[in-house]
Amino acid sequence: MPDLHPTVQGRCPACRGESLFLGSGGYVTCARLDCPDPEAATRLLEQRVDYSKIRVIRGWYPACDEGRHPQHPDCTCDEADRIAAAGRKFMDDAARAIDTLTSDVPAALRGPNWKERS
């Protein structure tokens, strides 16, 4: 027998809990009793996007001679690879630093929906 209210993958936009389910009528709803807005996910999903307000900015750059990159003006392929590797390392280090900073938050700064990391 199928589940009447199957769970939905993701987090509730209102309380950040992983407690979404498909309610009656097909509405995505949060199951947490302390959630300030259980219907927030449904409202987000039903929002219409006004594509007339989205601007696309196009640029022209010379293509890579070796075909290894879509574009890299004013540098060689090897330099473009080094720049990309440095950018990836910087982002990884930043993510690790943020993770370290947020892993030990004092109890006084934790909100009502704080979850310990597992």
Protein backbone atom coordinates (compact mmCIF):
# COMPACT_ATOMS: atom_id res chain seq x y z
CA MET A 1 0.00 0.00 0.00
CA PRO A 2 1.49 3.39 -0.95
CA ASP A 3 2.30 5.93 1.72
CA LEU A 4 -0.46 8.55 1.99
CA HIS A 5 1.99 11.33 2.84
CA PRO A 6 5.42 10.52 1.33
CA THR A 7 8.48 12.41 2.52
CA VAL A 8 10.07 15.05 0.28
CA GLN A 9 13.82 15.49 -0.03
CA GLY A 10 15.16 18.87 1.07
CA ARG A 11 14.89 21.35 3.91
CA CYS A 12 12.01 23.53 5.01
CA PRO A 13 12.80 27.15 4.05
CA ALA A 14 11.20 28.43 7.28
CA CYS A 15 12.84 26.23 9.96
CA ARG A 16 15.60 24.48 7.90
CA GLY A 17 14.38 21.10 9.17
CA GLU A 18 14.53 17.99 6.99
CA SER A 19 10.90 17.22 7.67
CA LEU A 20 9.03 17.94 4.44
CA PHE A 21 6.25 15.68 3.25
CA LEU A 22 3.65 15.69 0.50
CA GLY A 23 0.40 16.70 2.16
CA SER A 24 -3.14 16.34 0.97
CA GLY A 25 -3.70 18.08 -2.34
CA GLY A 26 -0.05 17.61 -3.30
CA TYR A 27 1.25 20.51 -1.21
CA VAL A 28 4.77 20.27 0.23
CA THR A 29 4.44 20.83 3.96
CA CYS A 30 6.76 20.85 6.99
CA ALA A 31 5.95 18.27 9.66
CA ARG A 32 7.72 20.04 12.56
CA LEU A 33 5.38 21.40 15.21
CA ASP A 34 7.74 24.28 16.00
CA CYS A 35 7.99 25.41 12.35
CA PRO A 36 6.98 29.07 12.04
CA ASP A 37 5.62 28.62 8.48
CA PRO A 38 4.85 25.00 7.44
CA GLU A 39 3.57 26.07 3.99
CA ALA A 40 6.71 28.06 3.04
CA ALA A 41 8.03 25.36 0.69
CA THR A 42 4.78 25.25 -1.27
CA ARG A 43 4.75 29.04 -1.66
CA LEU A 44 8.33 28.99 -2.97
CA LEU A 45 7.52 26.24 -5.45
CA GLU A 46 4.44 28.09 -6.70
CA GLN A 47 6.20 31.43 -7.27
CA ARG A 48 6.25 32.55 -10.87
CA VAL A 49 9.50 33.87 -12.34
CA ASP A 50 9.34 37.14 -14.26
CA TYR A 51 11.84 36.40 -17.02
CA SER A 52 11.46 39.92 -18.44
CA LYS A 53 13.53 41.27 -15.51
CA ILE A 54 16.46 38.89 -16.06
CA ARG A 55 19.29 40.39 -18.08
CA VAL A 56 21.83 38.29 -19.88
CA ILE A 57 25.18 39.98 -20.35
CA ARG A 58 27.19 38.47 -23.13
CA GLY A 59 30.89 38.99 -23.63
CA TRP A 60 33.28 38.07 -26.40
CA TYR A 61 36.66 36.58 -25.69
CA PRO A 62 39.07 34.83 -28.00
CA ALA A 63 38.76 31.05 -27.95
CA CYS A 64 41.55 28.86 -26.64
CA ASP A 65 43.95 27.86 -29.45
CA GLU A 66 44.50 24.36 -28.03
CA GLY A 67 40.80 23.68 -27.42
CA ARG A 68 41.37 22.93 -23.71
CA HIS A 69 39.36 25.90 -22.41
CA PRO A 70 36.33 27.83 -23.63
CA GLN A 71 38.23 31.11 -23.19
CA HIS A 72 41.15 32.69 -21.36
CA PRO A 73 42.19 36.10 -22.65
CA ASP A 74 45.73 37.36 -22.02
CA CYS A 75 47.21 34.10 -20.68
CA THR A 76 48.39 30.69 -21.88
CA CYS A 77 46.60 27.38 -21.34
CA ASP A 78 49.05 26.40 -18.58
CA GLU A 79 48.50 29.73 -16.80
CA ALA A 80 44.72 29.27 -17.09
CA ASP A 81 45.06 25.80 -15.53
CA ARG A 82 47.15 27.23 -12.66
CA ILE A 83 44.63 30.04 -12.08
CA ALA A 84 41.73 27.56 -12.04
CA ALA A 85 43.60 25.25 -9.61
CA ALA A 86 44.40 28.18 -7.32
CA GLY A 87 40.74 29.24 -7.40
CA ARG A 88 39.57 25.72 -6.50
CA LYS A 89 42.11 25.53 -3.65
CA PHE A 90 40.99 28.92 -2.33
CA MET A 91 37.32 27.88 -2.36
CA ASP A 92 38.11 24.55 -0.66
CA ASP A 93 40.16 26.32 2.04
CA ALA A 94 37.40 28.90 2.57
CA ALA A 95 34.74 26.19 2.88
CA ARG A 96 36.92 24.29 5.36
CA ALA A 97 37.46 27.47 7.42
CA ILE A 98 33.75 28.26 7.49
CA ASP A 99 32.98 24.69 8.49
CA THR A 100 35.50 24.92 11.34
CA LEU A 101 34.09 28.24 12.54
CA THR A 102 30.49 27.04 12.54
CA SER A 103 31.15 23.62 14.06
CA ASP A 104 31.59 24.94 17.61
CA VAL A 105 28.92 27.62 18.08
CA PRO A 106 28.33 28.56 21.75
CA ALA A 107 24.95 27.52 23.18
CA ALA A 108 24.00 31.18 23.75
CA LEU A 109 24.20 31.85 19.98
CA ARG A 110 22.25 28.79 18.87
CA GLY A 111 18.73 29.36 17.63
CA PRO A 112 15.64 27.31 18.54
CA ASN A 113 16.14 24.98 15.54
CA TRP A 114 19.82 24.23 16.15
CA LYS A 115 20.92 20.77 15.09
CA GLU A 116 24.12 19.14 16.23
CA ARG A 117 26.27 17.84 13.40
CA SER A 118 26.59 14.13 13.17
